[in-house]
Amino acid sequence: MTQGSPLRNPEKDDLLTPQNSVIAFIDYQPEQFSGVSSRPYHELLMNVVTLGKIARDFKLPTVLTTVGVQLGVNQGTAVELKSVLPYVEEIDRTTLNSWEDPQFLDAIQSTGKKKIIMAGLWTEVCVAFPTLDAINEGYEVYPVIDAIGGVTTEAHESAVQRMIQAGARPITTLQLACELQRDWARGHGNTLRTIMRSYFGDMRRISSSSEYRTSL
């Protein structure tokens, strides 16, 4: 059997591990998806669902929040994501900035993790605001760039630059999965293989569908 590399201390590792990080899913609601134009809908949804599978299968502490549901303004989390994370209770807010919501903040702080994997809609509001606040309070924040989107490409890119300038550390969906895995010989190696098979299969289907529509 192939010998895997020695496991570094997962609590103190500089890279992301399931033991040193928490992931936040913010406002992945139908109304929010409908306002995104910085990334094609099906591509964005694929990345978001993949991110949900990563959180579930690598057993990351997970915080899921919505806005305006109890006010009757918005629907809850999109069913495609919620079906992957049925065990995670939704925290509904009225605040645009989730960091200003006591329940959300308590959910993050109660994990004891100082690395936050941040994902949400829209980039310029629901991702940028809590990212900036969290960094200011000493957290390391990793926005998942291909699983977030803005109202316009300009809005998305400007928000990403603002977060980077404040100290955010951008990451992509597949990069995150590989960083959590780190070594194929580890016991959960099949977790990454399963995620990657699904991911690349979905990519091919989306690409084929786009090519078909373009040719019409």
C-alpha atoms as a PDB file:
ATOM      1  CA  MET A   1       0.000   0.000   0.000  1.00  0.00           C
ATOM      2  CA  THR A   2       1.248   3.501  -0.820  1.00  0.00           C
ATOM      3  CA  GLN A   3       2.425   5.345   2.274  1.00  0.00           C
ATOM      4  CA  GLY A   4       0.867   8.768   2.674  1.00  0.00           C
ATOM      5  CA  SER A   5       2.734  11.843   3.832  1.00  0.00           C
ATOM      6  CA  PRO A   6       2.851  12.568   7.575  1.00  0.00           C
ATOM      7  CA  LEU A   7      -0.198  14.492   8.743  1.00  0.00           C
ATOM      8  CA  ARG A   8       0.694  17.965   9.968  1.00  0.00           C
ATOM      9  CA  ASN A   9      -1.096  19.295  13.017  1.00  0.00           C
ATOM     10  CA  PRO A  10      -4.572  19.937  11.507  1.00  0.00           C
ATOM     11  CA  GLU A  11      -5.440  22.514  14.146  1.00  0.00           C
ATOM     12  CA  LYS A  12      -2.321  24.626  13.554  1.00  0.00           C
ATOM     13  CA  ASP A  13      -1.758  24.015   9.826  1.00  0.00           C
ATOM     14  CA  ASP A  14      -1.273  27.218   7.802  1.00  0.00           C
ATOM     15  CA  LEU A  15      -3.362  25.664   5.032  1.00  0.00           C
ATOM     16  CA  LEU A  16      -7.058  24.899   5.377  1.00  0.00           C
ATOM     17  CA  THR A  17      -8.084  21.682   7.099  1.00  0.00           C
ATOM     18  CA  PRO A  18     -11.468  20.370   8.281  1.00  0.00           C
ATOM     19  CA  GLN A  19     -10.197  20.908  11.833  1.00  0.00           C
ATOM     20  CA  ASN A  20      -9.115  24.553  11.586  1.00  0.00           C
ATOM     21  CA  SER A  21     -11.827  26.181   9.455  1.00  0.00           C
ATOM     22  CA  VAL A  22     -15.526  26.958   9.244  1.00  0.00           C
ATOM     23  CA  ILE A  23     -17.528  27.550   6.077  1.00  0.00           C
ATOM     24  CA  ALA A  24     -20.334  30.101   5.726  1.00  0.00           C
ATOM     25  CA  PHE A  25     -23.025  29.957   3.029  1.00  0.00           C
ATOM     26  CA  ILE A  26     -24.761  33.327   2.821  1.00  0.00           C
ATOM     27  CA  ASP A  27     -28.030  34.104   1.011  1.00  0.00           C
ATOM     28  CA  TYR A  28     -28.058  31.428  -1.693  1.00  0.00           C
ATOM     29  CA  GLN A  29     -31.719  32.184  -2.338  1.00  0.00           C
ATOM     30  CA  PRO A  30     -33.639  32.248  -5.631  1.00  0.00           C
ATOM     31  CA  GLU A  31     -34.047  36.017  -5.497  1.00  0.00           C
ATOM     32  CA  GLN A  32     -30.307  36.499  -5.044  1.00  0.00           C
ATOM     33  CA  PHE A  33     -29.422  34.123  -7.863  1.00  0.00           C
ATOM     34  CA  SER A  34     -31.737  36.036 -10.189  1.00  0.00           C
ATOM     35  CA  GLY A  35     -29.748  39.236  -9.658  1.00  0.00           C
ATOM     36  CA  VAL A  36     -26.342  37.765 -10.564  1.00  0.00           C
ATOM     37  CA  SER A  37     -24.878  38.523 -13.988  1.00  0.00           C
ATOM     38  CA  SER A  38     -21.124  38.166 -13.303  1.00  0.00           C
ATOM     39  CA  ARG A  39     -21.189  34.397 -13.895  1.00  0.00           C
ATOM     40  CA  PRO A  40     -23.595  32.156 -15.860  1.00  0.00           C
ATOM     41  CA  TYR A  41     -26.341  30.756 -13.619  1.00  0.00           C
ATOM     42  CA  HIS A  42     -25.747  27.049 -14.267  1.00  0.00           C
ATOM     43  CA  GLU A  43     -21.997  27.390 -13.749  1.00  0.00           C
ATOM     44  CA  LEU A  44     -22.497  29.326 -10.520  1.00  0.00           C
ATOM     45  CA  LEU A  45     -25.059  26.819  -9.220  1.00  0.00           C
ATOM     46  CA  MET A  46     -22.754  23.899 -10.059  1.00  0.00           C
ATOM     47  CA  ASN A  47     -19.931  25.479  -8.064  1.00  0.00           C
ATOM     48  CA  VAL A  48     -22.212  26.282  -5.129  1.00  0.00           C
ATOM     49  CA  VAL A  49     -23.584  22.744  -4.964  1.00  0.00           C
ATOM     50  CA  THR A  50     -20.050  21.347  -5.241  1.00  0.00           C
ATOM     51  CA  LEU A  51     -19.053  23.597  -2.366  1.00  0.00           C
ATOM     52  CA  GLY A  52     -21.935  22.171  -0.358  1.00  0.00           C
ATOM     53  CA  LYS A  53     -20.718  18.642  -1.071  1.00  0.00           C
ATOM     54  CA  ILE A  54     -17.217  19.618   0.055  1.00  0.00           C
ATOM     55  CA  ALA A  55     -18.583  21.008   3.317  1.00  0.00           C
ATOM     56  CA  ARG A  56     -20.678  17.885   3.886  1.00  0.00           C
ATOM     57  CA  ASP A  57     -18.178  15.225   2.852  1.00  0.00           C
ATOM     58  CA  PHE A  58     -15.149  16.746   4.574  1.00  0.00           C
ATOM     59  CA  LYS A  59     -17.316  17.424   7.628  1.00  0.00           C
ATOM     60  CA  LEU A  60     -16.568  21.134   7.845  1.00  0.00           C
ATOM     61  CA  PRO A  61     -18.365  23.132  10.529  1.00  0.00           C
ATOM     62  CA  THR A  62     -21.035  24.847   8.442  1.00  0.00           C
ATOM     63  CA  VAL A  63     -23.097  27.997   8.919  1.00  0.00           C
ATOM     64  CA  LEU A  64     -26.049  28.590   6.568  1.00  0.00           C
ATOM     65  CA  THR A  65     -27.893  31.898   6.584  1.00  0.00           C
ATOM     66  CA  THR A  66     -30.673  33.605   4.648  1.00  0.00           C
ATOM     67  CA  VAL A  67     -32.105  37.107   4.604  1.00  0.00           C
ATOM     68  CA  GLY A  68     -35.703  38.308   4.626  1.00  0.00           C
ATOM     69  CA  VAL A  69     -37.506  34.953   4.791  1.00  0.00           C
ATOM     70  CA  GLN A  70     -39.399  35.681   7.991  1.00  0.00           C
ATOM     71  CA  LEU A  71     -40.191  39.144   6.646  1.00  0.00           C
ATOM     72  CA  GLY A  72     -41.935  37.435   3.720  1.00  0.00           C
ATOM     73  CA  VAL A  73     -39.619  39.101   1.206  1.00  0.00           C
ATOM     74  CA  ASN A  74     -37.489  36.165   0.055  1.00  0.00           C
ATOM     75  CA  GLN A  75     -37.577  32.396  -0.208  1.00  0.00           C
ATOM     76  CA  GLY A  76     -35.223  30.155   1.733  1.00  0.00           C
ATOM     77  CA  THR A  77     -32.011  28.549   0.539  1.00  0.00           C
ATOM     78  CA  ALA A  78     -32.153  27.211  -3.032  1.00  0.00           C
ATOM     79  CA  VAL A  79     -33.313  23.591  -2.962  1.00  0.00           C
ATOM     80  CA  GLU A  80     -30.241  22.401  -4.868  1.00  0.00           C
ATOM     81  CA  LEU A  81     -27.952  23.533  -2.052  1.00  0.00           C
ATOM     82  CA  LYS A  82     -30.326  22.772   0.814  1.00  0.00           C
ATOM     83  CA  SER A  83     -30.688  19.175  -0.382  1.00  0.00           C
ATOM     84  CA  VAL A  84     -26.928  18.751   0.072  1.00  0.00           C
ATOM     85  CA  LEU A  85     -26.973  20.339   3.546  1.00  0.00           C
ATOM     86  CA  PRO A  86     -30.328  19.240   5.018  1.00  0.00           C
ATOM     87  CA  TYR A  87     -28.810  18.875   8.484  1.00  0.00           C
ATOM     88  CA  VAL A  88     -27.725  22.547   8.708  1.00  0.00           C
ATOM     89  CA  GLU A  89     -30.263  24.892  10.278  1.00  0.00           C
ATOM     90  CA  GLU A  90     -30.865  28.152   8.440  1.00  0.00           C
ATOM     91  CA  ILE A  91     -30.264  31.387  10.317  1.00  0.00           C
ATOM     92  CA  ASP A  92     -32.601  34.034   8.920  1.00  0.00           C
ATOM     93  CA  ARG A  93     -31.600  37.682   9.218  1.00  0.00           C
ATOM     94  CA  THR A  94     -32.798  41.170   8.478  1.00  0.00           C
ATOM     95  CA  THR A  95     -29.275  42.601   8.179  1.00  0.00           C
ATOM     96  CA  LEU A  96     -27.503  43.017   4.848  1.00  0.00           C
ATOM     97  CA  ASN A  97     -24.237  42.334   6.671  1.00  0.00           C
ATOM     98  CA  SER A  98     -24.452  38.912   8.301  1.00  0.00           C
ATOM     99  CA  TRP A  99     -21.626  39.851  10.693  1.00  0.00           C
ATOM    100  CA  GLU A 100     -24.056  42.282  12.338  1.00  0.00           C
ATOM    101  CA  ASP A 101     -26.537  39.493  13.085  1.00  0.00           C
ATOM    102  CA  PRO A 102     -26.011  38.076  16.618  1.00  0.00           C
ATOM    103  CA  GLN A 103     -27.069  34.535  15.674  1.00  0.00           C
ATOM    104  CA  PHE A 104     -24.739  34.356  12.691  1.00  0.00           C
ATOM    105  CA  LEU A 105     -21.849  35.824  14.638  1.00  0.00           C
ATOM    106  CA  ASP A 106     -22.429  33.407  17.518  1.00  0.00           C
ATOM    107  CA  ALA A 107     -22.558  30.461  15.093  1.00  0.00           C
ATOM    108  CA  ILE A 108     -19.158  31.427  13.682  1.00  0.00           C
ATOM    109  CA  GLN A 109     -17.549  32.233  17.019  1.00  0.00           C
ATOM    110  CA  SER A 110     -18.857  29.097  18.734  1.00  0.00           C
ATOM    111  CA  THR A 111     -16.826  26.894  16.370  1.00  0.00           C
ATOM    112  CA  GLY A 112     -13.619  28.378  17.735  1.00  0.00           C
ATOM    113  CA  LYS A 113     -12.142  28.462  14.216  1.00  0.00           C
ATOM    114  CA  LYS A 114     -10.119  31.444  13.001  1.00  0.00           C
ATOM    115  CA  LYS A 115     -10.204  30.562   9.295  1.00  0.00           C
ATOM    116  CA  ILE A 116     -13.517  31.335   7.578  1.00  0.00           C
ATOM    117  CA  ILE A 117     -14.331  30.000   4.121  1.00  0.00           C
ATOM    118  CA  MET A 118     -16.784  32.627   2.877  1.00  0.00           C
ATOM    119  CA  ALA A 119     -19.351  32.149   0.126  1.00  0.00           C
ATOM    120  CA  GLY A 120     -22.529  33.994  -0.731  1.00  0.00           C
ATOM    121  CA  LEU A 121     -24.588  36.203  -3.016  1.00  0.00           C
ATOM    122  CA  TRP A 122     -23.929  38.985  -3.835  1.00  0.00           C
ATOM    123  CA  THR A 123     -20.155  39.478  -3.799  1.00  0.00           C
ATOM    124  CA  GLU A 124     -20.334  43.236  -3.293  1.00  0.00           C
ATOM    125  CA  VAL A 125     -22.668  43.032  -0.302  1.00  0.00           C
ATOM    126  CA  CYS A 126     -23.258  39.677   1.371  1.00  0.00           C
ATOM    127  CA  VAL A 127     -19.693  38.422   0.911  1.00  0.00           C
ATOM    128  CA  ALA A 128     -17.697  41.654   1.128  1.00  0.00           C
ATOM    129  CA  PHE A 129     -19.284  43.125   4.266  1.00  0.00           C
ATOM    130  CA  PRO A 130     -18.773  40.146   6.637  1.00  0.00           C
ATOM    131  CA  THR A 131     -15.362  39.475   5.098  1.00  0.00           C
ATOM    132  CA  LEU A 132     -14.164  42.982   5.883  1.00  0.00           C
ATOM    133  CA  ASP A 133     -15.548  42.840   9.420  1.00  0.00           C
ATOM    134  CA  ALA A 134     -14.111  39.384  10.109  1.00  0.00           C
ATOM    135  CA  ILE A 135     -10.645  40.386   8.903  1.00  0.00           C
ATOM    136  CA  ASN A 136     -10.821  43.480  11.084  1.00  0.00           C
ATOM    137  CA  GLU A 137     -11.476  41.192  14.064  1.00  0.00           C
ATOM    138  CA  GLY A 138      -8.479  38.967  13.369  1.00  0.00           C
ATOM    139  CA  TYR A 139      -9.944  36.167  11.255  1.00  0.00           C
ATOM    140  CA  GLU A 140      -8.426  34.750   8.085  1.00  0.00           C
ATOM    141  CA  VAL A 141     -11.084  34.842   5.372  1.00  0.00           C
ATOM    142  CA  TYR A 142     -11.105  32.786   2.171  1.00  0.00           C
ATOM    143  CA  PRO A 143     -13.769  33.942  -0.339  1.00  0.00           C
ATOM    144  CA  VAL A 144     -14.627  31.133  -2.762  1.00  0.00           C
ATOM    145  CA  ILE A 145     -14.348  33.162  -5.952  1.00  0.00           C
ATOM    146  CA  ASP A 146     -16.089  30.817  -8.411  1.00  0.00           C
ATOM    147  CA  ALA A 147     -19.004  30.144  -6.040  1.00  0.00           C
ATOM    148  CA  ILE A 148     -19.928  33.798  -5.536  1.00  0.00           C
ATOM    149  CA  GLY A 149     -21.335  36.366  -7.931  1.00  0.00           C
ATOM    150  CA  GLY A 150     -22.249  40.014  -8.218  1.00  0.00           C
ATOM    151  CA  VAL A 151     -24.999  42.018  -9.856  1.00  0.00           C
ATOM    152  CA  THR A 152     -22.495  42.978 -12.562  1.00  0.00           C
ATOM    153  CA  THR A 153     -19.006  41.782 -13.455  1.00  0.00           C
ATOM    154  CA  GLU A 154     -17.666  45.165 -12.396  1.00  0.00           C
ATOM    155  CA  ALA A 155     -19.399  44.948  -9.025  1.00  0.00           C
ATOM    156  CA  HIS A 156     -18.050  41.446  -8.435  1.00  0.00           C
ATOM    157  CA  GLU A 157     -14.471  42.273  -9.442  1.00  0.00           C
ATOM    158  CA  SER A 158     -14.401  45.527  -7.482  1.00  0.00           C
ATOM    159  CA  ALA A 159     -15.624  43.742  -4.370  1.00  0.00           C
ATOM    160  CA  VAL A 160     -13.022  41.000  -4.789  1.00  0.00           C
ATOM    161  CA  GLN A 161     -10.270  43.612  -5.067  1.00  0.00           C
ATOM    162  CA  ARG A 162     -11.563  45.435  -1.996  1.00  0.00           C
ATOM    163  CA  MET A 163     -11.500  42.195   0.007  1.00  0.00           C
ATOM    164  CA  ILE A 164      -7.994  41.306  -1.192  1.00  0.00           C
ATOM    165  CA  GLN A 165      -6.715  44.751  -0.273  1.00  0.00           C
ATOM    166  CA  ALA A 166      -8.107  44.193   3.225  1.00  0.00           C
ATOM    167  CA  GLY A 167      -6.290  40.850   3.494  1.00  0.00           C
ATOM    168  CA  ALA A 168      -8.734  38.261   2.135  1.00  0.00           C
ATOM    169  CA  ARG A 169      -7.272  35.092   0.614  1.00  0.00           C
ATOM    170  CA  PRO A 170      -9.210  34.065  -2.522  1.00  0.00           C
ATOM    171  CA  ILE A 171      -9.742  30.387  -3.233  1.00  0.00           C
ATOM    172  CA  THR A 172     -11.732  28.355  -5.765  1.00  0.00           C
ATOM    173  CA  THR A 173     -14.066  25.441  -5.208  1.00  0.00           C
ATOM    174  CA  LEU A 174     -11.843  22.682  -6.528  1.00  0.00           C
ATOM    175  CA  GLN A 175      -8.750  24.210  -4.945  1.00  0.00           C
ATOM    176  CA  LEU A 176     -10.509  24.047  -1.580  1.00  0.00           C
ATOM    177  CA  ALA A 177     -11.312  20.351  -1.995  1.00  0.00           C
ATOM    178  CA  CYS A 178      -7.694  19.583  -2.897  1.00  0.00           C
ATOM    179  CA  GLU A 179      -6.388  21.642   0.020  1.00  0.00           C
ATOM    180  CA  LEU A 180      -8.592  19.754   2.458  1.00  0.00           C
ATOM    181  CA  GLN A 181      -7.521  16.406   0.975  1.00  0.00           C
ATOM    182  CA  ARG A 182      -3.776  17.122   0.530  1.00  0.00           C
ATOM    183  CA  ASP A 183      -2.750  13.468   0.047  1.00  0.00           C
ATOM    184  CA  TRP A 184      -4.502  10.790  -2.037  1.00  0.00           C
ATOM    185  CA  ALA A 185      -3.334   8.070   0.351  1.00  0.00           C
ATOM    186  CA  ARG A 186      -5.270   9.430   3.292  1.00  0.00           C
ATOM    187  CA  GLY A 187      -8.309   7.507   4.385  1.00  0.00           C
ATOM    188  CA  HIS A 188     -10.810   9.911   2.871  1.00  0.00           C
ATOM    189  CA  GLY A 189      -9.159   9.912  -0.572  1.00  0.00           C
ATOM    190  CA  ASN A 190     -12.332   8.668  -2.170  1.00  0.00           C
ATOM    191  CA  THR A 191     -14.077  11.818  -0.969  1.00  0.00           C
ATOM    192  CA  LEU A 192     -12.063  14.002  -3.332  1.00  0.00           C
ATOM    193  CA  ARG A 193     -12.314  11.498  -6.195  1.00  0.00           C
ATOM    194  CA  THR A 194     -16.107  11.421  -5.891  1.00  0.00           C
ATOM    195  CA  ILE A 195     -16.349  15.215  -5.774  1.00  0.00           C
ATOM    196  CA  MET A 196     -14.053  15.600  -8.791  1.00  0.00           C
ATOM    197  CA  ARG A 197     -15.935  13.038 -10.885  1.00  0.00           C
ATOM    198  CA  SER A 198     -19.186  14.863 -10.220  1.00  0.00           C
ATOM    199  CA  TYR A 199     -17.613  18.275 -10.802  1.00  0.00           C
ATOM    200  CA  PHE A 200     -16.025  17.476 -14.156  1.00  0.00           C
ATOM    201  CA  GLY A 201     -19.105  15.559 -15.282  1.00  0.00           C
ATOM    202  CA  ASP A 202     -21.266  18.604 -14.549  1.00  0.00           C
ATOM    203  CA  MET A 203     -18.758  20.850 -16.338  1.00  0.00           C
ATOM    204  CA  ARG A 204     -18.989  18.707 -19.487  1.00  0.00           C
ATOM    205  CA  ARG A 205     -22.777  18.755 -19.400  1.00  0.00           C
ATOM    206  CA  ILE A 206     -22.874  22.536 -19.004  1.00  0.00           C
ATOM    207  CA  SER A 207     -20.330  23.001 -21.788  1.00  0.00           C
ATOM    208  CA  SER A 208     -22.232  20.689 -24.141  1.00  0.00           C
ATOM    209  CA  SER A 209     -25.485  22.462 -23.383  1.00  0.00           C
ATOM    210  CA  SER A 210     -23.885  25.876 -24.024  1.00  0.00           C
ATOM    211  CA  GLU A 211     -22.398  24.691 -27.309  1.00  0.00           C
ATOM    212  CA  TYR A 212     -25.774  23.331 -28.346  1.00  0.00           C
ATOM    213  CA  ARG A 213     -27.539  26.611 -27.587  1.00  0.00           C
ATOM    214  CA  THR A 214     -24.856  28.594 -29.429  1.00  0.00           C
ATOM    215  CA  SER A 215     -25.225  26.468 -32.550  1.00  0.00           C
ATOM    216  CA  LEU A 216     -28.979  27.003 -32.815  1.00  0.00           C
END
